[in-house]
PDB file of N, CA and C in Angstrom:
ATOM      1  N   MET A   1     126.711 -68.996  50.686  1.00  0.00           N
ATOM      2  CA  MET A   1     127.319 -68.787  51.984  1.00  0.00           C
ATOM      3  C   MET A   1     128.155 -70.009  52.354  1.00  0.00           C
ATOM      4  N   ARG A   2     129.228 -69.761  53.080  1.00  0.00           N
ATOM      5  CA  ARG A   2     130.116 -70.833  53.533  1.00  0.00           C
ATOM      6  C   ARG A   2     130.149 -70.833  55.047  1.00  0.00           C
ATOM      7  N   ASP A   3     130.623 -71.931  55.614  1.00  0.00           N
ATOM      8  CA  ASP A   3     130.689 -72.012  57.075  1.00  0.00           C
ATOM      9  C   ASP A   3     132.098 -71.806  57.615  1.00  0.00           C
ATOM     10  N   HIS A   4     133.074 -71.431  56.747  1.00  0.00           N
ATOM     11  CA  HIS A   4     134.431 -71.149  57.216  1.00  0.00           C
ATOM     12  C   HIS A   4     135.086 -70.100  56.320  1.00  0.00           C
ATOM     13  N   SER A   5     136.124 -69.457  56.848  1.00  0.00           N
ATOM     14  CA  SER A   5     136.835 -68.415  56.128  1.00  0.00           C
ATOM     15  C   SER A   5     137.878 -69.013  55.188  1.00  0.00           C
ATOM     16  N   MET A   6     138.007 -68.440  54.011  1.00  0.00           N
ATOM     17  CA  MET A   6     139.060 -68.839  53.083  1.00  0.00           C
ATOM     18  C   MET A   6     140.420 -68.357  53.573  1.00  0.00           C
ATOM     19  N   ALA A   7     140.458 -67.410  54.507  1.00  0.00           N
ATOM     20  CA  ALA A   7     141.717 -66.831  54.994  1.00  0.00           C
ATOM     21  C   ALA A   7     142.396 -67.703  56.045  1.00  0.00           C
ATOM     22  N   ALA A   8     141.803 -68.807  56.443  1.00  0.00           N
ATOM     23  CA  ALA A   8     142.416 -69.681  57.445  1.00  0.00           C
ATOM     24  C   ALA A   8     143.795 -70.119  56.956  1.00  0.00           C
ATOM     25  N   GLY A   9     144.782 -70.034  57.838  1.00  0.00           N
ATOM     26  CA  GLY A   9     146.138 -70.434  57.500  1.00  0.00           C
ATOM     27  C   GLY A   9     146.974 -69.355  56.836  1.00  0.00           C
ATOM     28  N   ARG A  10     146.414 -68.178  56.652  1.00  0.00           N
ATOM     29  CA  ARG A  10     147.157 -67.064  56.056  1.00  0.00           C
ATOM     30  C   ARG A  10     147.635 -66.117  57.132  1.00  0.00           C
ATOM     31  N   SER A  11     148.684 -65.373  56.830  1.00  0.00           N
ATOM     32  CA  SER A  11     149.133 -64.305  57.713  1.00  0.00           C
ATOM     33  C   SER A  11     148.968 -62.978  56.991  1.00  0.00           C
ATOM     34  N   GLY A  12     149.019 -61.885  57.746  1.00  0.00           N
ATOM     35  CA  GLY A  12     148.946 -60.561  57.156  1.00  0.00           C
ATOM     36  C   GLY A  12     147.606 -60.185  56.578  1.00  0.00           C
ATOM     37  N   VAL A  13     146.518 -60.754  57.110  1.00  0.00           N
ATOM     38  CA  VAL A  13     145.163 -60.465  56.638  1.00  0.00           C
ATOM     39  C   VAL A  13     144.646 -59.215  57.344  1.00  0.00           C
ATOM     40  N   ALA A  14     143.979 -58.326  56.618  1.00  0.00           N
ATOM     41  CA  ALA A  14     143.341 -57.155  57.224  1.00  0.00           C
ATOM     42  C   ALA A  14     141.909 -57.514  57.594  1.00  0.00           C
ATOM     43  N   ALA A  15     141.445 -56.997  58.728  1.00  0.00           N
ATOM     44  CA  ALA A  15     140.077 -57.239  59.175  1.00  0.00           C
ATOM     45  C   ALA A  15     139.466 -55.941  59.675  1.00  0.00           C
ATOM     46  N   VAL A  16     138.176 -55.781  59.416  1.00  0.00           N
ATOM     47  CA  VAL A  16     137.446 -54.618  59.899  1.00  0.00           C
ATOM     48  C   VAL A  16     135.978 -55.017  60.069  1.00  0.00           C
ATOM     49  N   GLU A  17     135.312 -54.416  61.048  1.00  0.00           N
ATOM     50  CA  GLU A  17     133.890 -54.681  61.286  1.00  0.00           C
ATOM     51  C   GLU A  17     133.084 -53.498  60.777  1.00  0.00           C
ATOM     52  N   ARG A  18     131.990 -53.799  60.122  1.00  0.00           N
ATOM     53  CA  ARG A  18     131.074 -52.766  59.635  1.00  0.00           C
ATOM     54  C   ARG A  18     129.657 -53.314  59.664  1.00  0.00           C
ATOM     55  N   GLU A  19     128.790 -52.667  60.421  1.00  0.00           N
ATOM     56  CA  GLU A  19     127.360 -52.983  60.475  1.00  0.00           C
ATOM     57  C   GLU A  19     127.077 -54.459  60.755  1.00  0.00           C
ATOM     58  N   GLY A  20     127.745 -55.012  61.765  1.00  0.00           N
ATOM     59  CA  GLY A  20     127.482 -56.387  62.163  1.00  0.00           C
ATOM     60  C   GLY A  20     128.104 -57.447  61.278  1.00  0.00           C
ATOM     61  N   ARG A  21     129.023 -57.026  60.427  1.00  0.00           N
ATOM     62  CA  ARG A  21     129.725 -57.973  59.551  1.00  0.00           C
ATOM     63  C   ARG A  21     131.228 -57.726  59.664  1.00  0.00           C
ATOM     64  N   VAL A  22     131.998 -58.796  59.603  1.00  0.00           N
ATOM     65  CA  VAL A  22     133.454 -58.708  59.657  1.00  0.00           C
ATOM     66  C   VAL A  22     133.985 -58.958  58.246  1.00  0.00           C
ATOM     67  N   TYR A  23     134.839 -58.059  57.772  1.00  0.00           N
ATOM     68  CA  TYR A  23     135.410 -58.148  56.437  1.00  0.00           C
ATOM     69  C   TYR A  23     136.882 -58.520  56.549  1.00  0.00           C
ATOM     70  N   LEU A  24     137.330 -59.462  55.734  1.00  0.00           N
ATOM     71  CA  LEU A  24     138.732 -59.872  55.673  1.00  0.00           C
ATOM     72  C   LEU A  24     139.261 -59.602  54.272  1.00  0.00           C
ATOM     73  N   PHE A  25     140.513 -59.135  54.207  1.00  0.00           N
ATOM     74  CA  PHE A  25     141.127 -58.782  52.931  1.00  0.00           C
ATOM     75  C   PHE A  25     142.549 -59.326  52.846  1.00  0.00           C
ATOM     76  N   GLY A  26     142.888 -59.894  51.682  1.00  0.00           N
ATOM     77  CA  GLY A  26     144.253 -60.242  51.350  1.00  0.00           C
ATOM     78  C   GLY A  26     144.897 -61.285  52.238  1.00  0.00           C
ATOM     79  N   GLY A  27     146.187 -61.087  52.474  1.00  0.00           N
ATOM     80  CA  GLY A  27     146.993 -62.004  53.258  1.00  0.00           C
ATOM     81  C   GLY A  27     148.041 -62.671  52.401  1.00  0.00           C
ATOM     82  N   GLU A  28     148.858 -63.487  53.034  1.00  0.00           N
ATOM     83  CA  GLU A  28     149.881 -64.223  52.301  1.00  0.00           C
ATOM     84  C   GLU A  28     150.011 -65.628  52.858  1.00  0.00           C
ATOM     85  N   GLN A  29     150.557 -66.475  52.021  1.00  0.00           N
ATOM     86  CA  GLN A  29     150.820 -67.853  52.401  1.00  0.00           C
ATOM     87  C   GLN A  29     152.069 -68.256  51.626  1.00  0.00           C
ATOM     88  N   PHE A  30     153.044 -68.803  52.318  1.00  0.00           N
ATOM     89  CA  PHE A  30     154.302 -69.118  51.654  1.00  0.00           C
ATOM     90  C   PHE A  30     154.203 -70.340  50.758  1.00  0.00           C
ATOM     91  N   GLU A  31     153.398 -71.273  51.082  1.00  0.00           N
ATOM     92  CA  GLU A  31     153.182 -72.447  50.227  1.00  0.00           C
ATOM     93  C   GLU A  31     151.689 -72.702  50.143  1.00  0.00           C
ATOM     94  N   PRO A  32     151.111 -72.836  49.030  1.00  0.00           N
ATOM     95  CA  PRO A  32     151.692 -72.933  47.702  1.00  0.00           C
ATOM     96  C   PRO A  32     151.698 -71.618  46.931  1.00  0.00           C
ATOM     97  N   ARG A  33     150.970 -70.593  47.387  1.00  0.00           N
ATOM     98  CA  ARG A  33     150.836 -69.350  46.623  1.00  0.00           C
ATOM     99  C   ARG A  33     151.697 -68.253  47.194  1.00  0.00           C
ATOM    100  N   GLY A  34     151.331 -67.038  46.985  1.00  0.00           N
ATOM    101  CA  GLY A  34     152.010 -65.859  47.502  1.00  0.00           C
ATOM    102  C   GLY A  34     151.007 -64.971  48.206  1.00  0.00           C
ATOM    103  N   THR A  35     150.727 -63.804  47.632  1.00  0.00           N
ATOM    104  CA  THR A  35     149.755 -62.889  48.212  1.00  0.00           C
ATOM    105  C   THR A  35     148.381 -63.130  47.586  1.00  0.00           C
ATOM    106  N   PHE A  36     147.356 -62.669  48.290  1.00  0.00           N
ATOM    107  CA  PHE A  36     145.978 -62.937  47.880  1.00  0.00           C
ATOM    108  C   PHE A  36     145.224 -61.639  47.631  1.00  0.00           C
ATOM    109  N   ASP A  37     144.310 -61.678  46.674  1.00  0.00           N
ATOM    110  CA  ASP A  37     143.453 -60.530  46.380  1.00  0.00           C
ATOM    111  C   ASP A  37     142.034 -60.743  46.904  1.00  0.00           C
ATOM    112  N   GLU A  38     141.812 -61.841  47.602  1.00  0.00           N
ATOM    113  CA  GLU A  38     140.465 -62.184  48.032  1.00  0.00           C
ATOM    114  C   GLU A  38     139.928 -61.255  49.119  1.00  0.00           C
ATOM    115  N   ALA A  39     138.622 -61.065  49.056  1.00  0.00           N
ATOM    116  CA  ALA A  39     137.883 -60.315  50.068  1.00  0.00           C
ATOM    117  C   ALA A  39     136.677 -61.174  50.440  1.00  0.00           C
ATOM    118  N   GLU A  40     136.377 -61.205  51.722  1.00  0.00           N
ATOM    119  CA  GLU A  40     135.228 -61.991  52.173  1.00  0.00           C
ATOM    120  C   GLU A  40     134.578 -61.328  53.376  1.00  0.00           C
ATOM    121  N   ARG A  41     133.377 -61.775  53.649  1.00  0.00           N
ATOM    122  CA  ARG A  41     132.586 -61.141  54.709  1.00  0.00           C
ATOM    123  C   ARG A  41     131.958 -62.226  55.579  1.00  0.00           C
ATOM    124  N   TYR A  42     132.023 -62.001  56.896  1.00  0.00           N
ATOM    125  CA  TYR A  42     131.391 -62.899  57.862  1.00  0.00           C
ATOM    126  C   TYR A  42     130.178 -62.195  58.438  1.00  0.00           C
ATOM    127  N   ASN A  43     129.034 -62.840  58.366  1.00  0.00           N
ATOM    128  CA  ASN A  43     127.788 -62.290  58.887  1.00  0.00           C
ATOM    129  C   ASN A  43     127.567 -62.857  60.285  1.00  0.00           C
ATOM    130  N   LEU A  44     127.631 -61.997  61.293  1.00  0.00           N
ATOM    131  CA  LEU A  44     127.467 -62.435  62.677  1.00  0.00           C
ATOM    132  C   LEU A  44     126.084 -63.025  62.929  1.00  0.00           C
ATOM    133  N   ALA A  45     125.065 -62.464  62.306  1.00  0.00           N
ATOM    134  CA  ALA A  45     123.686 -62.912  62.543  1.00  0.00           C
ATOM    135  C   ALA A  45     123.424 -64.314  62.010  1.00  0.00           C
ATOM    136  N   THR A  46     124.016 -64.646  60.854  1.00  0.00           N
ATOM    137  CA  THR A  46     123.766 -65.953  60.240  1.00  0.00           C
ATOM    138  C   THR A  46     124.912 -66.937  60.442  1.00  0.00           C
ATOM    139  N   ASP A  47     126.021 -66.487  61.065  1.00  0.00           N
ATOM    140  CA  ASP A  47     127.193 -67.335  61.307  1.00  0.00           C
ATOM    141  C   ASP A  47     127.677 -67.981  60.008  1.00  0.00           C
ATOM    142  N   SER A  48     127.831 -67.144  58.951  1.00  0.00           N
ATOM    143  CA  SER A  48     128.252 -67.679  57.662  1.00  0.00           C
ATOM    144  C   SER A  48     129.197 -66.708  56.943  1.00  0.00           C
ATOM    145  N   TRP A  49     130.016 -67.257  56.035  1.00  0.00           N
ATOM    146  CA  TRP A  49     130.991 -66.505  55.254  1.00  0.00           C
ATOM    147  C   TRP A  49     130.515 -66.371  53.816  1.00  0.00           C
ATOM    148  N   GLU A  50     130.919 -65.277  53.192  1.00  0.00           N
ATOM    149  CA  GLU A  50     130.562 -65.016  51.800  1.00  0.00           C
ATOM    150  C   GLU A  50     131.760 -64.385  51.082  1.00  0.00           C
ATOM    151  N   MET A  51     132.061 -64.873  49.882  1.00  0.00           N
ATOM    152  CA  MET A  51     133.116 -64.260  49.072  1.00  0.00           C
ATOM    153  C   MET A  51     132.589 -62.959  48.472  1.00  0.00           C
ATOM    154  N   LEU A  52     133.467 -61.961  48.406  1.00  0.00           N
ATOM    155  CA  LEU A  52     133.167 -60.691  47.761  1.00  0.00           C
ATOM    156  C   LEU A  52     134.034 -60.583  46.511  1.00  0.00           C
ATOM    157  N   PRO A  53     133.781 -59.613  45.650  1.00  0.00           N
ATOM    158  CA  PRO A  53     134.673 -59.438  44.500  1.00  0.00           C
ATOM    159  C   PRO A  53     136.113 -59.230  44.984  1.00  0.00           C
ATOM    160  N   PRO A  54     137.101 -59.720  44.238  1.00  0.00           N
ATOM    161  CA  PRO A  54     138.492 -59.581  44.675  1.00  0.00           C
ATOM    162  C   PRO A  54     138.950 -58.128  44.671  1.00  0.00           C
ATOM    163  N   MET A  55     139.971 -57.858  45.489  1.00  0.00           N
ATOM    164  CA  MET A  55     140.593 -56.541  45.482  1.00  0.00           C
ATOM    165  C   MET A  55     141.345 -56.361  44.163  1.00  0.00           C
ATOM    166  N   PRO A  56     141.499 -55.132  43.696  1.00  0.00           N
ATOM    167  CA  PRO A  56     142.288 -54.902  42.477  1.00  0.00           C
ATOM    168  C   PRO A  56     143.764 -55.288  42.648  1.00  0.00           C
ATOM    169  N   THR A  57     144.284 -55.213  43.894  1.00  0.00           N
ATOM    170  CA  THR A  57     145.700 -55.459  44.150  1.00  0.00           C
ATOM    171  C   THR A  57     145.862 -56.504  45.248  1.00  0.00           C
ATOM    172  N   ALA A  58     146.497 -57.632  44.933  1.00  0.00           N
ATOM    173  CA  ALA A  58     146.781 -58.654  45.946  1.00  0.00           C
ATOM    174  C   ALA A  58     147.845 -58.124  46.907  1.00  0.00           C
ATOM    175  N   ARG A  59     147.595 -58.272  48.235  1.00  0.00           N
ATOM    176  CA  ARG A  59     148.532 -57.731  49.229  1.00  0.00           C
ATOM    177  C   ARG A  59     148.424 -58.483  50.544  1.00  0.00           C
ATOM    178  N   HIS A  60     149.468 -58.384  51.351  1.00  0.00           N
ATOM    179  CA  HIS A  60     149.472 -58.882  52.730  1.00  0.00           C
ATOM    180  C   HIS A  60     149.998 -57.763  53.620  1.00  0.00           C
ATOM    181  N   GLY A  61     149.768 -57.879  54.915  1.00  0.00           N
ATOM    182  CA  GLY A  61     150.246 -56.853  55.843  1.00  0.00           C
ATOM    183  C   GLY A  61     149.576 -55.511  55.640  1.00  0.00           C
ATOM    184  N   LEU A  62     148.397 -55.521  55.093  1.00  0.00           N
ATOM    185  CA  LEU A  62     147.659 -54.303  54.799  1.00  0.00           C
ATOM    186  C   LEU A  62     146.790 -53.916  55.988  1.00  0.00           C
ATOM    187  N   GLY A  63     146.221 -52.742  55.934  1.00  0.00           N
ATOM    188  CA  GLY A  63     145.311 -52.285  56.966  1.00  0.00           C
ATOM    189  C   GLY A  63     143.946 -51.998  56.372  1.00  0.00           C
ATOM    190  N   ALA A  64     142.932 -51.985  57.224  1.00  0.00           N
ATOM    191  CA  ALA A  64     141.573 -51.673  56.771  1.00  0.00           C
ATOM    192  C   ALA A  64     140.899 -50.801  57.824  1.00  0.00           C
ATOM    193  N   ALA A  65     140.100 -49.854  57.350  1.00  0.00           N
ATOM    194  CA  ALA A  65     139.364 -48.965  58.248  1.00  0.00           C
ATOM    195  C   ALA A  65     138.060 -48.555  57.580  1.00  0.00           C
ATOM    196  N   VAL A  66     137.061 -48.300  58.401  1.00  0.00           N
ATOM    197  CA  VAL A  66     135.789 -47.779  57.899  1.00  0.00           C
ATOM    198  C   VAL A  66     135.790 -46.272  58.128  1.00  0.00           C
ATOM    199  N   ILE A  67     135.625 -45.521  57.043  1.00  0.00           N
ATOM    200  CA  ILE A  67     135.582 -44.062  57.110  1.00  0.00           C
ATOM    201  C   ILE A  67     134.339 -43.607  56.369  1.00  0.00           C
ATOM    202  N   ASP A  68     133.448 -42.926  57.066  1.00  0.00           N
ATOM    203  CA  ASP A  68     132.179 -42.466  56.482  1.00  0.00           C
ATOM    204  C   ASP A  68     131.425 -43.603  55.788  1.00  0.00           C
ATOM    205  N   GLY A  69     131.460 -44.790  56.387  1.00  0.00           N
ATOM    206  CA  GLY A  69     130.716 -45.940  55.877  1.00  0.00           C
ATOM    207  C   GLY A  69     131.422 -46.731  54.787  1.00  0.00           C
ATOM    208  N   ALA A  70     132.502 -46.196  54.214  1.00  0.00           N
ATOM    209  CA  ALA A  70     133.247 -46.899  53.161  1.00  0.00           C
ATOM    210  C   ALA A  70     134.437 -47.626  53.781  1.00  0.00           C
ATOM    211  N   ILE A  71     134.776 -48.776  53.219  1.00  0.00           N
ATOM    212  CA  ILE A  71     135.925 -49.546  53.701  1.00  0.00           C
ATOM    213  C   ILE A  71     137.154 -49.155  52.894  1.00  0.00           C
ATOM    214  N   HIS A  72     138.173 -48.672  53.588  1.00  0.00           N
ATOM    215  CA  HIS A  72     139.439 -48.288  52.977  1.00  0.00           C
ATOM    216  C   HIS A  72     140.465 -49.355  53.305  1.00  0.00           C
ATOM    217  N   VAL A  73     141.133 -49.874  52.281  1.00  0.00           N
ATOM    218  CA  VAL A  73     142.178 -50.881  52.456  1.00  0.00           C
ATOM    219  C   VAL A  73     143.475 -50.231  51.997  1.00  0.00           C
ATOM    220  N   ILE A  74     144.452 -50.162  52.912  1.00  0.00           N
ATOM    221  CA  ILE A  74     145.635 -49.340  52.650  1.00  0.00           C
ATOM    222  C   ILE A  74     146.938 -50.127  52.754  1.00  0.00           C
ATOM    223  N   THR A  75     147.886 -49.701  51.986  1.00  0.00           N
ATOM    224  CA  THR A  75     149.266 -50.192  51.911  1.00  0.00           C
ATOM    225  C   THR A  75     149.322 -51.708  51.764  1.00  0.00           C
ATOM    226  N   GLY A  76     150.310 -52.349  52.375  1.00  0.00           N
ATOM    227  CA  GLY A  76     150.492 -53.789  52.272  1.00  0.00           C
ATOM    228  C   GLY A  76     151.526 -54.160  51.232  1.00  0.00           C
ATOM    229  N   GLY A  77     151.992 -55.396  51.298  1.00  0.00           N
ATOM    230  CA  GLY A  77     153.030 -55.871  50.399  1.00  0.00           C
ATOM    231  C   GLY A  77     152.471 -56.704  49.256  1.00  0.00           C
ATOM    232  N   PRO A  78     152.847 -56.388  48.020  1.00  0.00           N
ATOM    233  CA  PRO A  78     152.347 -57.145  46.883  1.00  0.00           C
ATOM    234  C   PRO A  78     153.039 -58.504  46.688  1.00  0.00           C
ATOM    235  N   GLN A  79     154.247 -58.664  47.202  1.00  0.00           N
ATOM    236  CA  GLN A  79     154.937 -59.947  47.132  1.00  0.00           C
ATOM    237  C   GLN A  79     155.067 -60.510  48.537  1.00  0.00           C
ATOM    238  N   ARG A  80     155.082 -61.838  48.642  1.00  0.00           N
ATOM    239  CA  ARG A  80     155.225 -62.458  49.955  1.00  0.00           C
ATOM    240  C   ARG A  80     156.583 -62.096  50.550  1.00  0.00           C
ATOM    241  N   GLY A  81     156.646 -62.149  51.870  1.00  0.00           N
ATOM    242  CA  GLY A  81     157.861 -61.730  52.564  1.00  0.00           C
ATOM    243  C   GLY A  81     157.884 -60.229  52.727  1.00  0.00           C
ATOM    244  N   LEU A  82     159.066 -59.665  52.781  1.00  0.00           N
ATOM    245  CA  LEU A  82     159.226 -58.227  53.012  1.00  0.00           C
ATOM    246  C   LEU A  82     159.023 -57.459  51.710  1.00  0.00           C
ATOM    247  N   SER A  83     157.889 -56.815  51.583  1.00  0.00           N
ATOM    248  CA  SER A  83     157.590 -55.939  50.450  1.00  0.00           C
ATOM    249  C   SER A  83     156.573 -54.914  50.921  1.00  0.00           C
ATOM    250  N   TYR A  84     156.416 -53.844  50.175  1.00  0.00           N
ATOM    251  CA  TYR A  84     155.434 -52.828  50.558  1.00  0.00           C
ATOM    252  C   TYR A  84     154.906 -52.134  49.312  1.00  0.00           C
ATOM    253  N   SER A  85     153.799 -51.452  49.500  1.00  0.00           N
ATOM    254  CA  SER A  85     153.218 -50.638  48.439  1.00  0.00           C
ATOM    255  C   SER A  85     152.609 -49.394  49.068  1.00  0.00           C
ATOM    256  N   VAL A  86     152.232 -48.475  48.250  1.00  0.00           N
ATOM    257  CA  VAL A  86     151.525 -47.278  48.721  1.00  0.00           C
ATOM    258  C   VAL A  86     150.090 -47.281  48.213  1.00  0.00           C
ATOM    259  N   VAL A  87     149.594 -48.443  47.837  1.00  0.00           N
ATOM    260  CA  VAL A  87     148.237 -48.577  47.296  1.00  0.00           C
ATOM    261  C   VAL A  87     147.211 -48.300  48.386  1.00  0.00           C
ATOM    262  N   ASN A  88     146.258 -47.460  48.071  1.00  0.00           N
ATOM    263  CA  ASN A  88     145.116 -47.191  48.930  1.00  0.00           C
ATOM    264  C   ASN A  88     143.864 -47.350  48.076  1.00  0.00           C
ATOM    265  N   GLU A  89     142.995 -48.275  48.467  1.00  0.00           N
ATOM    266  CA  GLU A  89     141.786 -48.541  47.695  1.00  0.00           C
ATOM    267  C   GLU A  89     140.563 -48.405  48.593  1.00  0.00           C
ATOM    268  N   VAL A  90     139.508 -47.858  48.024  1.00  0.00           N
ATOM    269  CA  VAL A  90     138.224 -47.799  48.709  1.00  0.00           C
ATOM    270  C   VAL A  90     137.383 -48.885  48.069  1.00  0.00           C
ATOM    271  N   LEU A  91     137.002 -49.858  48.884  1.00  0.00           N
ATOM    272  CA  LEU A  91     136.311 -51.020  48.355  1.00  0.00           C
ATOM    273  C   LEU A  91     134.820 -50.972  48.664  1.00  0.00           C
ATOM    274  N   SER A  92     134.060 -51.401  47.687  1.00  0.00           N
ATOM    275  CA  SER A  92     132.624 -51.537  47.871  1.00  0.00           C
ATOM    276  C   SER A  92     132.376 -52.827  48.643  1.00  0.00           C
ATOM    277  N   ALA A  93     131.564 -52.758  49.677  1.00  0.00           N
ATOM    278  CA  ALA A  93     131.277 -53.952  50.472  1.00  0.00           C
ATOM    279  C   ALA A  93     130.382 -54.901  49.701  1.00  0.00           C
ATOM    280  N   GLY A  94     129.597 -54.412  48.786  1.00  0.00           N
ATOM    281  CA  GLY A  94     128.741 -55.254  47.953  1.00  0.00           C
ATOM    282  C   GLY A  94     127.656 -55.965  48.736  1.00  0.00           C
ATOM    283  N   GLY A  95     126.481 -55.974  48.228  1.00  0.00           N
ATOM    284  CA  GLY A  95     125.378 -56.738  48.798  1.00  0.00           C
ATOM    285  C   GLY A  95     124.781 -56.204  50.077  1.00  0.00           C
ATOM    286  N   ASP A  96     125.174 -55.038  50.546  1.00  0.00           N
ATOM    287  CA  ASP A  96     124.592 -54.482  51.780  1.00  0.00           C
ATOM    288  C   ASP A  96     123.311 -53.741  51.482  1.00  0.00           C
TER     289      ASP A  96
END
C-alpha cells in the first residue's frame, strides 16, 4: 500500500467509486512520458493507495463507469494531445 496516488500531476485520468474504493485509470503527462496504462485503487477505510494490473491500452481522456458491479473503461486517446480511440474494456478490480 502507498500513501499517495501515482496519478498526481496527470491530466485526463478516469475515476470511479465502487464499494468504498476509488479507482483511477490512465491519464497523460506531456513531460517526460505520454499516456499511461496504470490503474490504481484508493481504499477509503485505510487511507491508502494500491497499484492494480495495468490496463491493456494506455489512454487519457477516458471515462469509467460501474455497470452490474464491473468497471468499464471506455474510449480515450492513445497518444498525448488530441487523439481518440473506440476501445472499451471491462477491467477486473482485483483483490476484492
